[in-house]
Amino acid sequence: MEGSTACQRCAAGGYCDEPGASSASVFQLCPPGSWSDTVGLNSSQGCRLCVEGTYQPTSGAQSSDTCLLCPLGKASAILGVAACPSCPGGSFQDVLGETACIE
């Protein structure tokens, strides 16, 4: 706001990396597969990745609680996925939150 004596901090769930921004329009959401509970984050590197065996399908998550366990029939050994891939033919997964499928 013009004439302000202090800058406003960007909200949790995203970051503002543009110095000297004059509006909140520079706010970028953390991408799917990641989250941030930090207010005033100034880099996408501060967005934390969901751990293996989990996924996070939405942008702007503000907590690790939004990272969901991979469902039955799916698994992921990769950090920060938006969706867990399905087990390929010839394999299965009958436990939630796993990192690999069973042959």
PDB file of N, CA and C in Angstrom:
ATOM      1  N   MET A   1       0.842  -1.162   0.000  1.00  0.00           N
ATOM      2  CA  MET A   1       0.000   0.000   0.000  1.00  0.00           C
ATOM      3  C   MET A   1       0.895   1.235   0.000  1.00  0.00           C
ATOM      4  N   GLU A   2       0.595   2.212  -0.833  1.00  0.00           N
ATOM      5  CA  GLU A   2       1.390   3.430  -0.936  1.00  0.00           C
ATOM      6  C   GLU A   2       1.408   4.168   0.399  1.00  0.00           C
ATOM      7  N   GLY A   3       2.588   4.577   0.819  1.00  0.00           N
ATOM      8  CA  GLY A   3       2.750   5.303   2.072  1.00  0.00           C
ATOM      9  C   GLY A   3       2.890   4.406   3.292  1.00  0.00           C
ATOM     10  N   SER A   4       2.929   3.082   3.103  1.00  0.00           N
ATOM     11  CA  SER A   4       3.076   2.166   4.225  1.00  0.00           C
ATOM     12  C   SER A   4       4.475   2.274   4.805  1.00  0.00           C
ATOM     13  N   THR A   5       4.577   1.982   6.082  1.00  0.00           N
ATOM     14  CA  THR A   5       5.879   2.017   6.734  1.00  0.00           C
ATOM     15  C   THR A   5       6.469   0.621   6.895  1.00  0.00           C
ATOM     16  N   ALA A   6       5.717  -0.420   6.523  1.00  0.00           N
ATOM     17  CA  ALA A   6       6.217  -1.795   6.640  1.00  0.00           C
ATOM     18  C   ALA A   6       5.688  -2.629   5.484  1.00  0.00           C
ATOM     19  N   CYS A   7       6.462  -3.621   5.118  1.00  0.00           N
ATOM     20  CA  CYS A   7       6.029  -4.537   4.059  1.00  0.00           C
ATOM     21  C   CYS A   7       5.192  -5.646   4.682  1.00  0.00           C
ATOM     22  N   GLN A   8       4.244  -6.145   3.920  1.00  0.00           N
ATOM     23  CA  GLN A   8       3.440  -7.279   4.373  1.00  0.00           C
ATOM     24  C   GLN A   8       4.153  -8.556   3.975  1.00  0.00           C
ATOM     25  N   ARG A   9       4.078  -9.561   4.828  1.00  0.00           N
ATOM     26  CA  ARG A   9       4.723 -10.834   4.553  1.00  0.00           C
ATOM     27  C   ARG A   9       3.795 -11.718   3.728  1.00  0.00           C
ATOM     28  N   CYS A  10       4.357 -12.471   2.830  1.00  0.00           N
ATOM     29  CA  CYS A  10       3.576 -13.388   2.012  1.00  0.00           C
ATOM     30  C   CYS A  10       3.081 -14.546   2.879  1.00  0.00           C
ATOM     31  N   ALA A  11       1.922 -15.071   2.539  1.00  0.00           N
ATOM     32  CA  ALA A  11       1.256 -16.102   3.332  1.00  0.00           C
ATOM     33  C   ALA A  11       1.967 -17.450   3.238  1.00  0.00           C
ATOM     34  N   ALA A  12       1.667 -18.325   4.195  1.00  0.00           N
ATOM     35  CA  ALA A  12       2.129 -19.716   4.148  1.00  0.00           C
ATOM     36  C   ALA A  12       1.509 -20.387   2.927  1.00  0.00           C
ATOM     37  N   GLY A  13       2.151 -21.422   2.429  1.00  0.00           N
ATOM     38  CA  GLY A  13       1.648 -22.133   1.261  1.00  0.00           C
ATOM     39  C   GLY A  13       2.224 -21.634  -0.041  1.00  0.00           C
ATOM     40  N   GLY A  14       3.087 -20.627   0.043  1.00  0.00           N
ATOM     41  CA  GLY A  14       3.687 -20.084  -1.165  1.00  0.00           C
ATOM     42  C   GLY A  14       4.849 -19.169  -0.835  1.00  0.00           C
ATOM     43  N   TYR A  15       5.268 -18.398  -1.816  1.00  0.00           N
ATOM     44  CA  TYR A  15       6.444 -17.554  -1.659  1.00  0.00           C
ATOM     45  C   TYR A  15       6.337 -16.330  -2.572  1.00  0.00           C
ATOM     46  N   CYS A  16       7.093 -15.314  -2.236  1.00  0.00           N
ATOM     47  CA  CYS A  16       7.209 -14.096  -3.049  1.00  0.00           C
ATOM     48  C   CYS A  16       8.702 -13.870  -3.264  1.00  0.00           C
ATOM     49  N   ASP A  17       9.170 -14.108  -4.484  1.00  0.00           N
ATOM     50  CA  ASP A  17      10.609 -13.980  -4.718  1.00  0.00           C
ATOM     51  C   ASP A  17      11.005 -12.696  -5.432  1.00  0.00           C
ATOM     52  N   GLU A  18      10.051 -11.825  -5.716  1.00  0.00           N
ATOM     53  CA  GLU A  18      10.351 -10.579  -6.420  1.00  0.00           C
ATOM     54  C   GLU A  18      10.643  -9.453  -5.437  1.00  0.00           C
ATOM     55  N   PRO A  19      11.891  -8.959  -5.397  1.00  0.00           N
ATOM     56  CA  PRO A  19      12.202  -7.828  -4.512  1.00  0.00           C
ATOM     57  C   PRO A  19      11.452  -6.571  -4.960  1.00  0.00           C
ATOM     58  N   GLY A  20      11.010  -5.794  -4.016  1.00  0.00           N
ATOM     59  CA  GLY A  20      10.352  -4.528  -4.326  1.00  0.00           C
ATOM     60  C   GLY A  20       8.958  -4.674  -4.893  1.00  0.00           C
ATOM     61  N   ALA A  21       8.302  -5.789  -4.630  1.00  0.00           N
ATOM     62  CA  ALA A  21       6.956  -6.016  -5.165  1.00  0.00           C
ATOM     63  C   ALA A  21       5.991  -4.964  -4.616  1.00  0.00           C
ATOM     64  N   SER A  22       5.103  -4.509  -5.480  1.00  0.00           N
ATOM     65  CA  SER A  22       4.148  -3.488  -5.064  1.00  0.00           C
ATOM     66  C   SER A  22       2.749  -4.046  -4.822  1.00  0.00           C
ATOM     67  N   SER A  23       2.580  -5.371  -5.007  1.00  0.00           N
ATOM     68  CA  SER A  23       1.282  -5.985  -4.726  1.00  0.00           C
ATOM     69  C   SER A  23       1.470  -7.474  -4.434  1.00  0.00           C
ATOM     70  N   ALA A  24       0.428  -8.082  -3.912  1.00  0.00           N
ATOM     71  CA  ALA A  24       0.467  -9.514  -3.604  1.00  0.00           C
ATOM     72  C   ALA A  24       0.351 -10.361  -4.863  1.00  0.00           C
ATOM     73  N   SER A  25       0.237  -9.736  -6.019  1.00  0.00           N
ATOM     74  CA  SER A  25       0.096 -10.502  -7.264  1.00  0.00           C
ATOM     75  C   SER A  25       1.364 -11.294  -7.597  1.00  0.00           C
ATOM     76  N   VAL A  26       2.478 -11.011  -6.941  1.00  0.00           N
ATOM     77  CA  VAL A  26       3.715 -11.752  -7.182  1.00  0.00           C
ATOM     78  C   VAL A  26       3.744 -13.057  -6.383  1.00  0.00           C
ATOM     79  N   PHE A  27       2.773 -13.271  -5.517  1.00  0.00           N
ATOM     80  CA  PHE A  27       2.706 -14.473  -4.679  1.00  0.00           C
ATOM     81  C   PHE A  27       2.546 -15.706  -5.551  1.00  0.00           C
ATOM     82  N   GLN A  28       3.436 -16.688  -5.356  1.00  0.00           N
ATOM     83  CA  GLN A  28       3.401 -17.948  -6.091  1.00  0.00           C
ATOM     84  C   GLN A  28       3.101 -19.070  -5.115  1.00  0.00           C
ATOM     85  N   LEU A  29       2.190 -19.952  -5.474  1.00  0.00           N
ATOM     86  CA  LEU A  29       1.852 -21.085  -4.620  1.00  0.00           C
ATOM     87  C   LEU A  29       2.917 -22.172  -4.719  1.00  0.00           C
ATOM     88  N   CYS A  30       3.174 -22.856  -3.615  1.00  0.00           N
ATOM     89  CA  CYS A  30       4.020 -24.043  -3.676  1.00  0.00           C
ATOM     90  C   CYS A  30       3.309 -25.036  -4.588  1.00  0.00           C
ATOM     91  N   PRO A  31       4.049 -25.723  -5.454  1.00  0.00           N
ATOM     92  CA  PRO A  31       3.414 -26.625  -6.422  1.00  0.00           C
ATOM     93  C   PRO A  31       2.886 -27.902  -5.776  1.00  0.00           C
ATOM     94  N   PRO A  32       2.028 -28.629  -6.482  1.00  0.00           N
ATOM     95  CA  PRO A  32       1.575 -29.923  -5.971  1.00  0.00           C
ATOM     96  C   PRO A  32       2.785 -30.797  -5.618  1.00  0.00           C
ATOM     97  N   GLY A  33       2.611 -31.599  -4.573  1.00  0.00           N
ATOM     98  CA  GLY A  33       3.707 -32.443  -4.114  1.00  0.00           C
ATOM     99  C   GLY A  33       4.555 -31.771  -3.051  1.00  0.00           C
ATOM    100  N   SER A  34       4.220 -30.511  -2.728  1.00  0.00           N
ATOM    101  CA  SER A  34       5.000 -29.781  -1.732  1.00  0.00           C
ATOM    102  C   SER A  34       4.076 -28.939  -0.854  1.00  0.00           C
ATOM    103  N   TRP A  35       4.673 -28.340   0.181  1.00  0.00           N
ATOM    104  CA  TRP A  35       3.910 -27.527   1.131  1.00  0.00           C
ATOM    105  C   TRP A  35       4.868 -26.574   1.840  1.00  0.00           C
ATOM    106  N   SER A  36       4.319 -25.557   2.497  1.00  0.00           N
ATOM    107  CA  SER A  36       5.122 -24.658   3.313  1.00  0.00           C
ATOM    108  C   SER A  36       4.248 -24.037   4.395  1.00  0.00           C
ATOM    109  N   ASP A  37       4.729 -24.096   5.641  1.00  0.00           N
ATOM    110  CA  ASP A  37       4.037 -23.443   6.746  1.00  0.00           C
ATOM    111  C   ASP A  37       4.731 -22.136   7.133  1.00  0.00           C
ATOM    112  N   THR A  38       5.701 -21.720   6.323  1.00  0.00           N
ATOM    113  CA  THR A  38       6.478 -20.514   6.607  1.00  0.00           C
ATOM    114  C   THR A  38       5.796 -19.277   6.030  1.00  0.00           C
ATOM    115  N   VAL A  39       5.605 -18.272   6.859  1.00  0.00           N
ATOM    116  CA  VAL A  39       5.083 -16.979   6.413  1.00  0.00           C
ATOM    117  C   VAL A  39       6.284 -16.137   6.003  1.00  0.00           C
ATOM    118  N   GLY A  40       6.201 -15.478   4.846  1.00  0.00           N
ATOM    119  CA  GLY A  40       7.288 -14.617   4.392  1.00  0.00           C
ATOM    120  C   GLY A  40       8.361 -15.337   3.606  1.00  0.00           C
ATOM    121  N   LEU A  41       8.054 -16.477   3.068  1.00  0.00           N
ATOM    122  CA  LEU A  41       9.014 -17.247   2.273  1.00  0.00           C
ATOM    123  C   LEU A  41       9.378 -16.462   1.013  1.00  0.00           C
ATOM    124  N   ASN A  42      10.670 -16.434   0.653  1.00  0.00           N
ATOM    125  CA  ASN A  42      11.091 -15.636  -0.499  1.00  0.00           C
ATOM    126  C   ASN A  42      11.676 -16.464  -1.640  1.00  0.00           C
ATOM    127  N   SER A  43      11.493 -17.799  -1.585  1.00  0.00           N
ATOM    128  CA  SER A  43      12.037 -18.649  -2.632  1.00  0.00           C
ATOM    129  C   SER A  43      11.252 -19.954  -2.708  1.00  0.00           C
ATOM    130  N   SER A  44      11.136 -20.481  -3.909  1.00  0.00           N
ATOM    131  CA  SER A  44      10.456 -21.766  -4.079  1.00  0.00           C
ATOM    132  C   SER A  44      11.228 -22.889  -3.393  1.00  0.00           C
ATOM    133  N   GLN A  45      12.501 -22.678  -3.125  1.00  0.00           N
ATOM    134  CA  GLN A  45      13.306 -23.698  -2.452  1.00  0.00           C
ATOM    135  C   GLN A  45      12.841 -23.937  -1.025  1.00  0.00           C
ATOM    136  N   GLY A  46      12.042 -23.033  -0.478  1.00  0.00           N
ATOM    137  CA  GLY A  46      11.497 -23.211   0.867  1.00  0.00           C
ATOM    138  C   GLY A  46      10.265 -24.089   0.898  1.00  0.00           C
ATOM    139  N   CYS A  47       9.709 -24.417  -0.272  1.00  0.00           N
ATOM    140  CA  CYS A  47       8.578 -25.340  -0.324  1.00  0.00           C
ATOM    141  C   CYS A  47       9.131 -26.731  -0.044  1.00  0.00           C
ATOM    142  N   ARG A  48       8.575 -27.411   0.940  1.00  0.00           N
ATOM    143  CA  ARG A  48       9.066 -28.722   1.360  1.00  0.00           C
ATOM    144  C   ARG A  48       8.348 -29.827   0.584  1.00  0.00           C
ATOM    145  N   LEU A  49       9.091 -30.824   0.179  1.00  0.00           N
ATOM    146  CA  LEU A  49       8.534 -31.927  -0.595  1.00  0.00           C
ATOM    147  C   LEU A  49       7.899 -32.971   0.314  1.00  0.00           C
ATOM    148  N   CYS A  50       6.785 -33.519  -0.130  1.00  0.00           N
ATOM    149  CA  CYS A  50       6.165 -34.635   0.581  1.00  0.00           C
ATOM    150  C   CYS A  50       7.109 -35.838   0.478  1.00  0.00           C
ATOM    151  N   VAL A  51       7.116 -36.671   1.501  1.00  0.00           N
ATOM    152  CA  VAL A  51       8.038 -37.809   1.558  1.00  0.00           C
ATOM    153  C   VAL A  51       7.589 -38.952   0.650  1.00  0.00           C
ATOM    154  N   GLU A  52       8.482 -39.921   0.461  1.00  0.00           N
ATOM    155  CA  GLU A  52       8.182 -41.103  -0.334  1.00  0.00           C
ATOM    156  C   GLU A  52       6.965 -41.815   0.253  1.00  0.00           C
ATOM    157  N   GLY A  53       6.166 -42.409  -0.619  1.00  0.00           N
ATOM    158  CA  GLY A  53       4.974 -43.114  -0.171  1.00  0.00           C
ATOM    159  C   GLY A  53       3.780 -42.206   0.052  1.00  0.00           C
ATOM    160  N   THR A  54       3.964 -40.903  -0.248  1.00  0.00           N
ATOM    161  CA  THR A  54       2.865 -39.943  -0.113  1.00  0.00           C
ATOM    162  C   THR A  54       2.757 -39.101  -1.378  1.00  0.00           C
ATOM    163  N   TYR A  55       1.653 -38.380  -1.490  1.00  0.00           N
ATOM    164  CA  TYR A  55       1.438 -37.461  -2.601  1.00  0.00           C
ATOM    165  C   TYR A  55       0.633 -36.272  -2.104  1.00  0.00           C
ATOM    166  N   GLN A  56       0.615 -35.207  -2.878  1.00  0.00           N
ATOM    167  CA  GLN A  56      -0.114 -34.003  -2.513  1.00  0.00           C
ATOM    168  C   GLN A  56      -0.603 -33.388  -3.820  1.00  0.00           C
ATOM    169  N   PRO A  57      -1.901 -33.448  -4.119  1.00  0.00           N
ATOM    170  CA  PRO A  57      -2.405 -33.069  -5.436  1.00  0.00           C
ATOM    171  C   PRO A  57      -2.697 -31.580  -5.676  1.00  0.00           C
ATOM    172  N   THR A  58      -2.609 -30.744  -4.651  1.00  0.00           N
ATOM    173  CA  THR A  58      -3.019 -29.354  -4.833  1.00  0.00           C
ATOM    174  C   THR A  58      -1.860 -28.374  -4.654  1.00  0.00           C
ATOM    175  N   SER A  59      -2.016 -27.188  -5.185  1.00  0.00           N
ATOM    176  CA  SER A  59      -1.042 -26.103  -5.005  1.00  0.00           C
ATOM    177  C   SER A  59      -1.367 -25.338  -3.727  1.00  0.00           C
ATOM    178  N   GLY A  60      -0.349 -24.778  -3.106  1.00  0.00           N
ATOM    179  CA  GLY A  60      -0.552 -23.888  -1.962  1.00  0.00           C
ATOM    180  C   GLY A  60      -0.780 -24.571  -0.631  1.00  0.00           C
ATOM    181  N   ALA A  61      -0.380 -25.816  -0.485  1.00  0.00           N
ATOM    182  CA  ALA A  61      -0.568 -26.528   0.783  1.00  0.00           C
ATOM    183  C   ALA A  61       0.254 -25.875   1.884  1.00  0.00           C
ATOM    184  N   GLN A  62      -0.316 -25.843   3.093  1.00  0.00           N
ATOM    185  CA  GLN A  62       0.324 -25.157   4.206  1.00  0.00           C
ATOM    186  C   GLN A  62       0.784 -26.079   5.333  1.00  0.00           C
ATOM    187  N   SER A  63       0.702 -27.389   5.124  1.00  0.00           N
ATOM    188  CA  SER A  63       1.065 -28.316   6.186  1.00  0.00           C
ATOM    189  C   SER A  63       1.455 -29.669   5.604  1.00  0.00           C
ATOM    190  N   SER A  64       2.331 -30.378   6.305  1.00  0.00           N
ATOM    191  CA  SER A  64       2.692 -31.725   5.890  1.00  0.00           C
ATOM    192  C   SER A  64       1.495 -32.666   6.021  1.00  0.00           C
ATOM    193  N   ASP A  65       0.491 -32.265   6.788  1.00  0.00           N
ATOM    194  CA  ASP A  65      -0.729 -33.068   6.930  1.00  0.00           C
ATOM    195  C   ASP A  65      -1.477 -33.206   5.609  1.00  0.00           C
ATOM    196  N   THR A  66      -1.178 -32.360   4.637  1.00  0.00           N
ATOM    197  CA  THR A  66      -1.843 -32.442   3.334  1.00  0.00           C
ATOM    198  C   THR A  66      -1.205 -33.490   2.435  1.00  0.00           C
ATOM    199  N   CYS A  67      -0.058 -34.036   2.850  1.00  0.00           N
ATOM    200  CA  CYS A  67       0.575 -35.125   2.105  1.00  0.00           C
ATOM    201  C   CYS A  67      -0.179 -36.408   2.458  1.00  0.00           C
ATOM    202  N   LEU A  68      -0.766 -37.035   1.467  1.00  0.00           N
ATOM    203  CA  LEU A  68      -1.621 -38.199   1.653  1.00  0.00           C
ATOM    204  C   LEU A  68      -0.862 -39.481   1.351  1.00  0.00           C
ATOM    205  N   LEU A  69      -1.207 -40.550   2.033  1.00  0.00           N
ATOM    206  CA  LEU A  69      -0.589 -41.848   1.767  1.00  0.00           C
ATOM    207  C   LEU A  69      -0.994 -42.339   0.386  1.00  0.00           C
ATOM    208  N   CYS A  70      -0.042 -42.924  -0.335  1.00  0.00           N
ATOM    209  CA  CYS A  70      -0.381 -43.533  -1.628  1.00  0.00           C
ATOM    210  C   CYS A  70      -1.476 -44.571  -1.386  1.00  0.00           C
ATOM    211  N   PRO A  71      -2.513 -44.583  -2.227  1.00  0.00           N
ATOM    212  CA  PRO A  71      -3.609 -45.534  -2.033  1.00  0.00           C
ATOM    213  C   PRO A  71      -3.216 -46.956  -2.447  1.00  0.00           C
ATOM    214  N   LEU A  72      -4.086 -47.890  -2.137  1.00  0.00           N
ATOM    215  CA  LEU A  72      -3.880 -49.278  -2.533  1.00  0.00           C
ATOM    216  C   LEU A  72      -3.724 -49.352  -4.043  1.00  0.00           C
ATOM    217  N   GLY A  73      -2.825 -50.220  -4.504  1.00  0.00           N
ATOM    218  CA  GLY A  73      -2.590 -50.385  -5.934  1.00  0.00           C
ATOM    219  C   GLY A  73      -1.637 -49.363  -6.517  1.00  0.00           C
ATOM    220  N   LYS A  74      -1.085 -48.489  -5.656  1.00  0.00           N
ATOM    221  CA  LYS A  74      -0.152 -47.448  -6.104  1.00  0.00           C
ATOM    222  C   LYS A  74       1.005 -47.349  -5.125  1.00  0.00           C
ATOM    223  N   ALA A  75       2.141 -46.815  -5.589  1.00  0.00           N
ATOM    224  CA  ALA A  75       3.315 -46.628  -4.740  1.00  0.00           C
ATOM    225  C   ALA A  75       4.216 -45.572  -5.367  1.00  0.00           C
ATOM    226  N   SER A  76       5.031 -44.929  -4.521  1.00  0.00           N
ATOM    227  CA  SER A  76       5.981 -43.942  -5.041  1.00  0.00           C
ATOM    228  C   SER A  76       7.222 -43.884  -4.159  1.00  0.00           C
ATOM    229  N   ALA A  77       8.380 -44.029  -4.778  1.00  0.00           N
ATOM    230  CA  ALA A  77       9.659 -43.910  -4.079  1.00  0.00           C
ATOM    231  C   ALA A  77      10.289 -42.548  -4.351  1.00  0.00           C
ATOM    232  N   ILE A  78       9.486 -41.612  -4.886  1.00  0.00           N
ATOM    233  CA  ILE A  78       9.984 -40.294  -5.271  1.00  0.00           C
ATOM    234  C   ILE A  78       9.420 -39.239  -4.320  1.00  0.00           C
ATOM    235  N   LEU A  79      10.244 -38.288  -3.934  1.00  0.00           N
ATOM    236  CA  LEU A  79       9.801 -37.166  -3.107  1.00  0.00           C
ATOM    237  C   LEU A  79       8.952 -36.210  -3.934  1.00  0.00           C
ATOM    238  N   GLY A  80       7.946 -35.612  -3.334  1.00  0.00           N
ATOM    239  CA  GLY A  80       7.224 -34.502  -3.928  1.00  0.00           C
ATOM    240  C   GLY A  80       6.381 -34.814  -5.138  1.00  0.00           C
ATOM    241  N   VAL A  81       5.629 -35.895  -5.119  1.00  0.00           N
ATOM    242  CA  VAL A  81       4.778 -36.214  -6.270  1.00  0.00           C
ATOM    243  C   VAL A  81       3.364 -35.678  -6.061  1.00  0.00           C
ATOM    244  N   ALA A  82       2.731 -35.318  -7.165  1.00  0.00           N
ATOM    245  CA  ALA A  82       1.349 -34.838  -7.135  1.00  0.00           C
ATOM    246  C   ALA A  82       0.368 -36.004  -7.136  1.00  0.00           C
ATOM    247  N   ALA A  83       0.811 -37.166  -7.610  1.00  0.00           N
ATOM    248  CA  ALA A  83      -0.010 -38.378  -7.632  1.00  0.00           C
ATOM    249  C   ALA A  83       0.916 -39.588  -7.604  1.00  0.00           C
ATOM    250  N   CYS A  84       0.492 -40.628  -6.928  1.00  0.00           N
ATOM    251  CA  CYS A  84       1.279 -41.867  -6.898  1.00  0.00           C
ATOM    252  C   CYS A  84       0.960 -42.675  -8.153  1.00  0.00           C
ATOM    253  N   PRO A  85       1.973 -43.179  -8.833  1.00  0.00           N
ATOM    254  CA  PRO A  85       1.707 -43.984 -10.024  1.00  0.00           C
ATOM    255  C   PRO A  85       1.117 -45.349  -9.666  1.00  0.00           C
ATOM    256  N   SER A  86       0.306 -45.867 -10.567  1.00  0.00           N
ATOM    257  CA  SER A  86      -0.284 -47.197 -10.388  1.00  0.00           C
ATOM    258  C   SER A  86       0.788 -48.261 -10.528  1.00  0.00           C
ATOM    259  N   CYS A  87       0.598 -49.343  -9.818  1.00  0.00           N
ATOM    260  CA  CYS A  87       1.507 -50.479  -9.965  1.00  0.00           C
ATOM    261  C   CYS A  87       1.364 -51.021 -11.387  1.00  0.00           C
ATOM    262  N   PRO A  88       2.473 -51.360 -12.033  1.00  0.00           N
ATOM    263  CA  PRO A  88       2.393 -51.892 -13.396  1.00  0.00           C
ATOM    264  C   PRO A  88       1.811 -53.304 -13.397  1.00  0.00           C
ATOM    265  N   GLY A  89       1.412 -53.757 -14.568  1.00  0.00           N
ATOM    266  CA  GLY A  89       0.913 -55.116 -14.708  1.00  0.00           C
ATOM    267  C   GLY A  89       1.914 -56.111 -14.146  1.00  0.00           C
ATOM    268  N   GLY A  90       1.412 -57.147 -13.492  1.00  0.00           N
ATOM    269  CA  GLY A  90       2.291 -58.146 -12.900  1.00  0.00           C
ATOM    270  C   GLY A  90       2.728 -57.807 -11.491  1.00  0.00           C
ATOM    271  N   SER A  91       2.206 -56.693 -10.943  1.00  0.00           N
ATOM    272  CA  SER A  91       2.556 -56.309  -9.576  1.00  0.00           C
ATOM    273  C   SER A  91       1.321 -55.766  -8.870  1.00  0.00           C
ATOM    274  N   PHE A  92       1.430 -55.590  -7.549  1.00  0.00           N
ATOM    275  CA  PHE A  92       0.313 -55.072  -6.762  1.00  0.00           C
ATOM    276  C   PHE A  92       0.859 -54.357  -5.534  1.00  0.00           C
ATOM    277  N   GLN A  93       0.008 -53.657  -4.828  1.00  0.00           N
ATOM    278  CA  GLN A  93       0.347 -53.085  -3.529  1.00  0.00           C
ATOM    279  C   GLN A  93      -0.922 -53.078  -2.700  1.00  0.00           C
ATOM    280  N   ASP A  94      -0.911 -53.823  -1.580  1.00  0.00           N
ATOM    281  CA  ASP A  94      -2.104 -53.937  -0.744  1.00  0.00           C
ATOM    282  C   ASP A  94      -1.959 -53.211   0.597  1.00  0.00           C
ATOM    283  N   VAL A  95      -0.961 -52.316   0.676  1.00  0.00           N
ATOM    284  CA  VAL A  95      -0.738 -51.521   1.896  1.00  0.00           C
ATOM    285  C   VAL A  95      -0.682 -50.047   1.485  1.00  0.00           C
ATOM    286  N   LEU A  96      -1.276 -49.184   2.294  1.00  0.00           N
ATOM    287  CA  LEU A  96      -1.238 -47.741   2.030  1.00  0.00           C
ATOM    288  C   LEU A  96       0.148 -47.171   2.291  1.00  0.00           C
ATOM    289  N   GLY A  97       0.542 -46.157   1.515  1.00  0.00           N
ATOM    290  CA  GLY A  97       1.765 -45.407   1.780  1.00  0.00           C
ATOM    291  C   GLY A  97       3.066 -46.113   1.469  1.00  0.00           C
ATOM    292  N   GLU A  98       3.036 -47.041   0.555  1.00  0.00           N
ATOM    293  CA  GLU A  98       4.251 -47.789   0.236  1.00  0.00           C
ATOM    294  C   GLU A  98       5.077 -47.121  -0.865  1.00  0.00           C
ATOM    295  N   THR A  99       6.342 -47.499  -0.947  1.00  0.00           N
ATOM    296  CA  THR A  99       7.264 -46.898  -1.908  1.00  0.00           C
ATOM    297  C   THR A  99       7.522 -47.789  -3.114  1.00  0.00           C
ATOM    298  N   ALA A 100       7.065 -49.052  -3.070  1.00  0.00           N
ATOM    299  CA  ALA A 100       7.289 -49.967  -4.183  1.00  0.00           C
ATOM    300  C   ALA A 100       6.119 -50.947  -4.288  1.00  0.00           C
ATOM    301  N   CYS A 101       5.937 -51.445  -5.491  1.00  0.00           N
ATOM    302  CA  CYS A 101       4.920 -52.463  -5.733  1.00  0.00           C
ATOM    303  C   CYS A 101       5.545 -53.842  -5.550  1.00  0.00           C
ATOM    304  N   ILE A 102       4.709 -54.815  -5.290  1.00  0.00           N
ATOM    305  CA  ILE A 102       5.157 -56.193  -5.066  1.00  0.00           C
ATOM    306  C   ILE A 102       4.944 -56.995  -6.338  1.00  0.00           C
ATOM    307  N   GLU A 103       5.978 -57.722  -6.776  1.00  0.00           N
ATOM    308  CA  GLU A 103       5.881 -58.547  -7.991  1.00  0.00           C
ATOM    309  C   GLU A 103       4.994 -59.748  -7.747  1.00  0.00           C
TER     310      GLU A 103
END
